[in-house]
Amino acid sequence: MKLFYDKKAEECMINFYDSLSEKDRRRYAALEVKKLIYGGQRYISKLLGCDVKTIQKGLADLESEEELKKKG
């Protein structure tokens, strides 16, 4: 697996991810994917232990102004 972040950053990302609600987890994972180059989706999926489909849903959420306005 290609590393985009160092081990300490990865640990912080995992701890933060684990503290979030399900909706916020998928959005956070998607946001991290948007920051990375080719291969980032698979990297983030493995790093955070989430399904690629979850990330894809998060990406759709980020593109939807209506979805972003929803609370909780």
PDB file of N, CA and C in Angstrom:
ATOM      1  N   MET A   1       0.853  -1.187   0.000  1.00  0.00           N
ATOM      2  CA  MET A   1       0.000   0.000   0.000  1.00  0.00           C
ATOM      3  C   MET A   1       0.893   1.244   0.000  1.00  0.00           C
ATOM      4  N   LYS A   2       0.630   2.142  -0.932  1.00  0.00           N
ATOM      5  CA  LYS A   2       1.377   3.390  -1.004  1.00  0.00           C
ATOM      6  C   LYS A   2       1.014   4.253   0.194  1.00  0.00           C
ATOM      7  N   LEU A   3       2.034   4.839   0.827  1.00  0.00           N
ATOM      8  CA  LEU A   3       1.797   5.703   1.977  1.00  0.00           C
ATOM      9  C   LEU A   3       1.762   7.157   1.536  1.00  0.00           C
ATOM     10  N   PHE A   4       0.715   7.838   1.923  1.00  0.00           N
ATOM     11  CA  PHE A   4       0.583   9.251   1.625  1.00  0.00           C
ATOM     12  C   PHE A   4       0.938  10.092   2.848  1.00  0.00           C
ATOM     13  N   TYR A   5       0.733   9.531   4.026  1.00  0.00           N
ATOM     14  CA  TYR A   5       0.985  10.229   5.289  1.00  0.00           C
ATOM     15  C   TYR A   5       1.942   9.404   6.138  1.00  0.00           C
ATOM     16  N   ASP A   6       2.641  10.061   7.083  1.00  0.00           N
ATOM     17  CA  ASP A   6       3.509   9.316   7.976  1.00  0.00           C
ATOM     18  C   ASP A   6       2.670   8.599   9.043  1.00  0.00           C
ATOM     19  N   LYS A   7       3.300   7.700   9.767  1.00  0.00           N
ATOM     20  CA  LYS A   7       2.584   6.850  10.731  1.00  0.00           C
ATOM     21  C   LYS A   7       1.862   7.662  11.808  1.00  0.00           C
ATOM     22  N   LYS A   8       2.478   8.716  12.312  1.00  0.00           N
ATOM     23  CA  LYS A   8       1.853   9.536  13.362  1.00  0.00           C
ATOM     24  C   LYS A   8       0.586  10.210  12.830  1.00  0.00           C
ATOM     25  N   ALA A   9       0.659  10.745  11.617  1.00  0.00           N
ATOM     26  CA  ALA A   9      -0.522  11.369  11.018  1.00  0.00           C
ATOM     27  C   ALA A   9      -1.622  10.330  10.811  1.00  0.00           C
ATOM     28  N   GLU A  10      -1.238   9.135  10.354  1.00  0.00           N
ATOM     29  CA  GLU A  10      -2.225   8.071  10.163  1.00  0.00           C
ATOM     30  C   GLU A  10      -2.905   7.702  11.476  1.00  0.00           C
ATOM     31  N   GLU A  11      -2.139   7.612  12.561  1.00  0.00           N
ATOM     32  CA  GLU A  11      -2.722   7.301  13.869  1.00  0.00           C
ATOM     33  C   GLU A  11      -3.728   8.365  14.285  1.00  0.00           C
ATOM     34  N   CYS A  12      -3.378   9.621  14.083  1.00  0.00           N
ATOM     35  CA  CYS A  12      -4.287  10.724  14.424  1.00  0.00           C
ATOM     36  C   CYS A  12      -5.558  10.667  13.575  1.00  0.00           C
ATOM     37  N   MET A  13      -5.400  10.372  12.291  1.00  0.00           N
ATOM     38  CA  MET A  13      -6.557  10.278  11.396  1.00  0.00           C
ATOM     39  C   MET A  13      -7.490   9.155  11.834  1.00  0.00           C
ATOM     40  N   ILE A  14      -6.919   8.010  12.182  1.00  0.00           N
ATOM     41  CA  ILE A  14      -7.722   6.865  12.621  1.00  0.00           C
ATOM     42  C   ILE A  14      -8.456   7.194  13.915  1.00  0.00           C
ATOM     43  N   ASN A  15      -7.756   7.790  14.884  1.00  0.00           N
ATOM     44  CA  ASN A  15      -8.391   8.146  16.160  1.00  0.00           C
ATOM     45  C   ASN A  15      -9.515   9.152  15.957  1.00  0.00           C
ATOM     46  N   PHE A  16      -9.286  10.150  15.106  1.00  0.00           N
ATOM     47  CA  PHE A  16     -10.321  11.137  14.829  1.00  0.00           C
ATOM     48  C   PHE A  16     -11.518  10.483  14.142  1.00  0.00           C
ATOM     49  N   TYR A  17     -11.254   9.673  13.134  1.00  0.00           N
ATOM     50  CA  TYR A  17     -12.303   8.961  12.398  1.00  0.00           C
ATOM     51  C   TYR A  17     -13.166   8.140  13.348  1.00  0.00           C
ATOM     52  N   ASP A  18     -12.516   7.434  14.267  1.00  0.00           N
ATOM     53  CA  ASP A  18     -13.245   6.586  15.217  1.00  0.00           C
ATOM     54  C   ASP A  18     -14.131   7.381  16.167  1.00  0.00           C
ATOM     55  N   SER A  19     -13.861   8.672  16.329  1.00  0.00           N
ATOM     56  CA  SER A  19     -14.653   9.499  17.244  1.00  0.00           C
ATOM     57  C   SER A  19     -15.908  10.084  16.586  1.00  0.00           C
ATOM     58  N   LEU A  20     -16.043   9.904  15.272  1.00  0.00           N
ATOM     59  CA  LEU A  20     -17.130  10.542  14.521  1.00  0.00           C
ATOM     60  C   LEU A  20     -18.367   9.658  14.388  1.00  0.00           C
ATOM     61  N   SER A  21     -19.494  10.307  14.097  1.00  0.00           N
ATOM     62  CA  SER A  21     -20.723   9.581  13.760  1.00  0.00           C
ATOM     63  C   SER A  21     -20.549   8.946  12.386  1.00  0.00           C
ATOM     64  N   GLU A  22     -21.428   8.039  12.015  1.00  0.00           N
ATOM     65  CA  GLU A  22     -21.331   7.348  10.726  1.00  0.00           C
ATOM     66  C   GLU A  22     -21.334   8.329   9.550  1.00  0.00           C
ATOM     67  N   LYS A  23     -22.256   9.287   9.578  1.00  0.00           N
ATOM     68  CA  LYS A  23     -22.342  10.259   8.478  1.00  0.00           C
ATOM     69  C   LYS A  23     -21.066  11.096   8.406  1.00  0.00           C
ATOM     70  N   ASP A  24     -20.570  11.538   9.552  1.00  0.00           N
ATOM     71  CA  ASP A  24     -19.356  12.338   9.569  1.00  0.00           C
ATOM     72  C   ASP A  24     -18.141  11.507   9.167  1.00  0.00           C
ATOM     73  N   ARG A  25     -18.136  10.215   9.493  1.00  0.00           N
ATOM     74  CA  ARG A  25     -17.038   9.334   9.078  1.00  0.00           C
ATOM     75  C   ARG A  25     -16.933   9.272   7.557  1.00  0.00           C
ATOM     76  N   ARG A  26     -18.056   9.049   6.892  1.00  0.00           N
ATOM     77  CA  ARG A  26     -17.990   8.917   5.431  1.00  0.00           C
ATOM     78  C   ARG A  26     -17.599  10.235   4.786  1.00  0.00           C
ATOM     79  N   ARG A  27     -18.036  11.348   5.352  1.00  0.00           N
ATOM     80  CA  ARG A  27     -17.669  12.650   4.810  1.00  0.00           C
ATOM     81  C   ARG A  27     -16.184  12.951   5.045  1.00  0.00           C
ATOM     82  N   TYR A  28     -15.690  12.605   6.220  1.00  0.00           N
ATOM     83  CA  TYR A  28     -14.267  12.810   6.516  1.00  0.00           C
ATOM     84  C   TYR A  28     -13.403  11.966   5.579  1.00  0.00           C
ATOM     85  N   ALA A  29     -13.760  10.697   5.419  1.00  0.00           N
ATOM     86  CA  ALA A  29     -13.015   9.815   4.521  1.00  0.00           C
ATOM     87  C   ALA A  29     -13.023  10.380   3.104  1.00  0.00           C
ATOM     88  N   ALA A  30     -14.169  10.859   2.663  1.00  0.00           N
ATOM     89  CA  ALA A  30     -14.287  11.429   1.320  1.00  0.00           C
ATOM     90  C   ALA A  30     -13.427  12.684   1.180  1.00  0.00           C
ATOM     91  N   LEU A  31     -13.416  13.511   2.192  1.00  0.00           N
ATOM     92  CA  LEU A  31     -12.611  14.724   2.161  1.00  0.00           C
ATOM     93  C   LEU A  31     -11.123  14.389   2.065  1.00  0.00           C
ATOM     94  N   GLU A  32     -10.697  13.379   2.811  1.00  0.00           N
ATOM     95  CA  GLU A  32      -9.302  12.946   2.729  1.00  0.00           C
ATOM     96  C   GLU A  32      -8.973  12.426   1.325  1.00  0.00           C
ATOM     97  N   VAL A  33      -9.891  11.688   0.723  1.00  0.00           N
ATOM     98  CA  VAL A  33      -9.679  11.172  -0.636  1.00  0.00           C
ATOM     99  C   VAL A  33      -9.516  12.329  -1.621  1.00  0.00           C
ATOM    100  N   LYS A  34     -10.317  13.373  -1.458  1.00  0.00           N
ATOM    101  CA  LYS A  34     -10.243  14.522  -2.371  1.00  0.00           C
ATOM    102  C   LYS A  34      -8.878  15.201  -2.322  1.00  0.00           C
ATOM    103  N   LYS A  35      -8.161  15.069  -1.217  1.00  0.00           N
ATOM    104  CA  LYS A  35      -6.848  15.692  -1.070  1.00  0.00           C
ATOM    105  C   LYS A  35      -5.738  14.896  -1.745  1.00  0.00           C
ATOM    106  N   LEU A  36      -6.011  13.647  -2.075  1.00  0.00           N
ATOM    107  CA  LEU A  36      -4.955  12.757  -2.551  1.00  0.00           C
ATOM    108  C   LEU A  36      -5.018  12.514  -4.053  1.00  0.00           C
ATOM    109  N   ILE A  37      -3.893  12.057  -4.576  1.00  0.00           N
ATOM    110  CA  ILE A  37      -3.797  11.722  -5.989  1.00  0.00           C
ATOM    111  C   ILE A  37      -4.309  10.310  -6.232  1.00  0.00           C
ATOM    112  N   TYR A  38      -4.083   9.813  -7.433  1.00  0.00           N
ATOM    113  CA  TYR A  38      -4.509   8.478  -7.829  1.00  0.00           C
ATOM    114  C   TYR A  38      -4.145   7.440  -6.762  1.00  0.00           C
ATOM    115  N   GLY A  39      -5.096   6.593  -6.421  1.00  0.00           N
ATOM    116  CA  GLY A  39      -4.884   5.553  -5.420  1.00  0.00           C
ATOM    117  C   GLY A  39      -5.323   5.959  -4.027  1.00  0.00           C
ATOM    118  N   GLY A  40      -5.712   7.193  -3.874  1.00  0.00           N
ATOM    119  CA  GLY A  40      -6.092   7.699  -2.561  1.00  0.00           C
ATOM    120  C   GLY A  40      -7.328   7.040  -1.980  1.00  0.00           C
ATOM    121  N   GLN A  41      -8.290   6.698  -2.836  1.00  0.00           N
ATOM    122  CA  GLN A  41      -9.525   6.087  -2.341  1.00  0.00           C
ATOM    123  C   GLN A  41      -9.248   4.734  -1.690  1.00  0.00           C
ATOM    124  N   ARG A  42      -8.424   3.933  -2.336  1.00  0.00           N
ATOM    125  CA  ARG A  42      -8.094   2.623  -1.780  1.00  0.00           C
ATOM    126  C   ARG A  42      -7.253   2.773  -0.506  1.00  0.00           C
ATOM    127  N   TYR A  43      -6.322   3.712  -0.529  1.00  0.00           N
ATOM    128  CA  TYR A  43      -5.470   3.973   0.634  1.00  0.00           C
ATOM    129  C   TYR A  43      -6.308   4.372   1.849  1.00  0.00           C
ATOM    130  N   ILE A  44      -7.204   5.332   1.683  1.00  0.00           N
ATOM    131  CA  ILE A  44      -8.043   5.801   2.785  1.00  0.00           C
ATOM    132  C   ILE A  44      -8.990   4.700   3.241  1.00  0.00           C
ATOM    133  N   SER A  45      -9.536   3.945   2.317  1.00  0.00           N
ATOM    134  CA  SER A  45     -10.417   2.829   2.656  1.00  0.00           C
ATOM    135  C   SER A  45      -9.700   1.834   3.571  1.00  0.00           C
ATOM    136  N   LYS A  46      -8.489   1.466   3.209  1.00  0.00           N
ATOM    137  CA  LYS A  46      -7.713   0.516   4.024  1.00  0.00           C
ATOM    138  C   LYS A  46      -7.278   1.141   5.341  1.00  0.00           C
ATOM    139  N   LEU A  47      -6.823   2.371   5.291  1.00  0.00           N
ATOM    140  CA  LEU A  47      -6.346   3.049   6.495  1.00  0.00           C
ATOM    141  C   LEU A  47      -7.448   3.172   7.546  1.00  0.00           C
ATOM    142  N   LEU A  48      -8.618   3.618   7.117  1.00  0.00           N
ATOM    143  CA  LEU A  48      -9.710   3.871   8.064  1.00  0.00           C
ATOM    144  C   LEU A  48     -10.609   2.653   8.261  1.00  0.00           C
ATOM    145  N   GLY A  49     -10.419   1.625   7.452  1.00  0.00           N
ATOM    146  CA  GLY A  49     -11.226   0.415   7.597  1.00  0.00           C
ATOM    147  C   GLY A  49     -12.664   0.610   7.148  1.00  0.00           C
ATOM    148  N   CYS A  50     -12.843   1.393   6.103  1.00  0.00           N
ATOM    149  CA  CYS A  50     -14.196   1.612   5.593  1.00  0.00           C
ATOM    150  C   CYS A  50     -14.283   1.133   4.145  1.00  0.00           C
ATOM    151  N   ASP A  51     -15.476   0.833   3.726  1.00  0.00           N
ATOM    152  CA  ASP A  51     -15.719   0.345   2.371  1.00  0.00           C
ATOM    153  C   ASP A  51     -15.600   1.482   1.364  1.00  0.00           C
ATOM    154  N   VAL A  52     -15.141   1.159   0.179  1.00  0.00           N
ATOM    155  CA  VAL A  52     -15.048   2.155  -0.899  1.00  0.00           C
ATOM    156  C   VAL A  52     -16.421   2.749  -1.198  1.00  0.00           C
ATOM    157  N   LYS A  53     -17.476   1.951  -1.085  1.00  0.00           N
ATOM    158  CA  LYS A  53     -18.834   2.464  -1.327  1.00  0.00           C
ATOM    159  C   LYS A  53     -19.198   3.535  -0.302  1.00  0.00           C
ATOM    160  N   THR A  54     -18.706   3.380   0.921  1.00  0.00           N
ATOM    161  CA  THR A  54     -18.944   4.396   1.951  1.00  0.00           C
ATOM    162  C   THR A  54     -18.282   5.706   1.543  1.00  0.00           C
ATOM    163  N   ILE A  55     -17.077   5.613   1.030  1.00  0.00           N
ATOM    164  CA  ILE A  55     -16.368   6.809   0.576  1.00  0.00           C
ATOM    165  C   ILE A  55     -17.104   7.436  -0.603  1.00  0.00           C
ATOM    166  N   GLN A  56     -17.583   6.626  -1.516  1.00  0.00           N
ATOM    167  CA  GLN A  56     -18.319   7.150  -2.665  1.00  0.00           C
ATOM    168  C   GLN A  56     -19.582   7.877  -2.218  1.00  0.00           C
ATOM    169  N   LYS A  57     -20.265   7.348  -1.208  1.00  0.00           N
ATOM    170  CA  LYS A  57     -21.452   8.022  -0.655  1.00  0.00           C
ATOM    171  C   LYS A  57     -21.029   9.352  -0.025  1.00  0.00           C
ATOM    172  N   GLY A  58     -19.899   9.341   0.674  1.00  0.00           N
ATOM    173  CA  GLY A  58     -19.378  10.572   1.256  1.00  0.00           C
ATOM    174  C   GLY A  58     -19.032  11.607   0.200  1.00  0.00           C
ATOM    175  N   LEU A  59     -18.456  11.156  -0.902  1.00  0.00           N
ATOM    176  CA  LEU A  59     -18.148  12.077  -2.008  1.00  0.00           C
ATOM    177  C   LEU A  59     -19.425  12.694  -2.572  1.00  0.00           C
ATOM    178  N   ALA A  60     -20.468  11.881  -2.683  1.00  0.00           N
ATOM    179  CA  ALA A  60     -21.760  12.392  -3.156  1.00  0.00           C
ATOM    180  C   ALA A  60     -22.321  13.403  -2.156  1.00  0.00           C
ATOM    181  N   ASP A  61     -22.173  13.102  -0.864  1.00  0.00           N
ATOM    182  CA  ASP A  61     -22.619  14.039   0.173  1.00  0.00           C
ATOM    183  C   ASP A  61     -21.923  15.383   0.014  1.00  0.00           C
ATOM    184  N   LEU A  62     -20.616  15.360  -0.212  1.00  0.00           N
ATOM    185  CA  LEU A  62     -19.847  16.601  -0.327  1.00  0.00           C
ATOM    186  C   LEU A  62     -20.261  17.426  -1.535  1.00  0.00           C
ATOM    187  N   GLU A  63     -20.767  16.767  -2.555  1.00  0.00           N
ATOM    188  CA  GLU A  63     -21.210  17.463  -3.769  1.00  0.00           C
ATOM    189  C   GLU A  63     -22.639  17.994  -3.652  1.00  0.00           C
ATOM    190  N   SER A  64     -23.366  17.513  -2.627  1.00  0.00           N
ATOM    191  CA  SER A  64     -24.773  17.882  -2.469  1.00  0.00           C
ATOM    192  C   SER A  64     -24.937  18.971  -1.413  1.00  0.00           C
ATOM    193  N   GLU A  65     -25.253  20.161  -1.871  1.00  0.00           N
ATOM    194  CA  GLU A  65     -25.461  21.279  -0.946  1.00  0.00           C
ATOM    195  C   GLU A  65     -26.604  20.966   0.026  1.00  0.00           C
ATOM    196  N   GLU A  66     -27.648  20.329  -0.474  1.00  0.00           N
ATOM    197  CA  GLU A  66     -28.793  19.966   0.373  1.00  0.00           C
ATOM    198  C   GLU A  66     -28.363  18.993   1.476  1.00  0.00           C
ATOM    199  N   GLU A  67     -27.562  18.008   1.124  1.00  0.00           N
ATOM    200  CA  GLU A  67     -27.109  17.017   2.099  1.00  0.00           C
ATOM    201  C   GLU A  67     -26.200  17.667   3.150  1.00  0.00           C
ATOM    202  N   LEU A  68     -25.377  18.608   2.748  1.00  0.00           N
ATOM    203  CA  LEU A  68     -24.461  19.253   3.678  1.00  0.00           C
ATOM    204  C   LEU A  68     -25.203  20.146   4.685  1.00  0.00           C
ATOM    205  N   LYS A  69     -26.378  20.607   4.320  1.00  0.00           N
ATOM    206  CA  LYS A  69     -27.153  21.462   5.222  1.00  0.00           C
ATOM    207  C   LYS A  69     -27.867  20.655   6.314  1.00  0.00           C
ATOM    208  N   LYS A  70     -28.001  19.344   6.121  1.00  0.00           N
ATOM    209  CA  LYS A  70     -28.676  18.493   7.107  1.00  0.00           C
ATOM    210  C   LYS A  70     -27.824  18.395   8.362  1.00  0.00           C
ATOM    211  N   LYS A  71     -28.472  18.458   9.502  1.00  0.00           N
ATOM    212  CA  LYS A  71     -27.795  18.321  10.794  1.00  0.00           C
ATOM    213  C   LYS A  71     -27.961  16.900  11.297  1.00  0.00           C
ATOM    214  N   GLY A  72     -26.950  16.448  12.078  1.00  0.00           N
ATOM    215  CA  GLY A  72     -27.046  15.154  12.763  1.00  0.00           C
ATOM    216  C   GLY A  72     -26.880  13.984  11.953  1.00  0.00           C
TER     217      GLY A  72
END
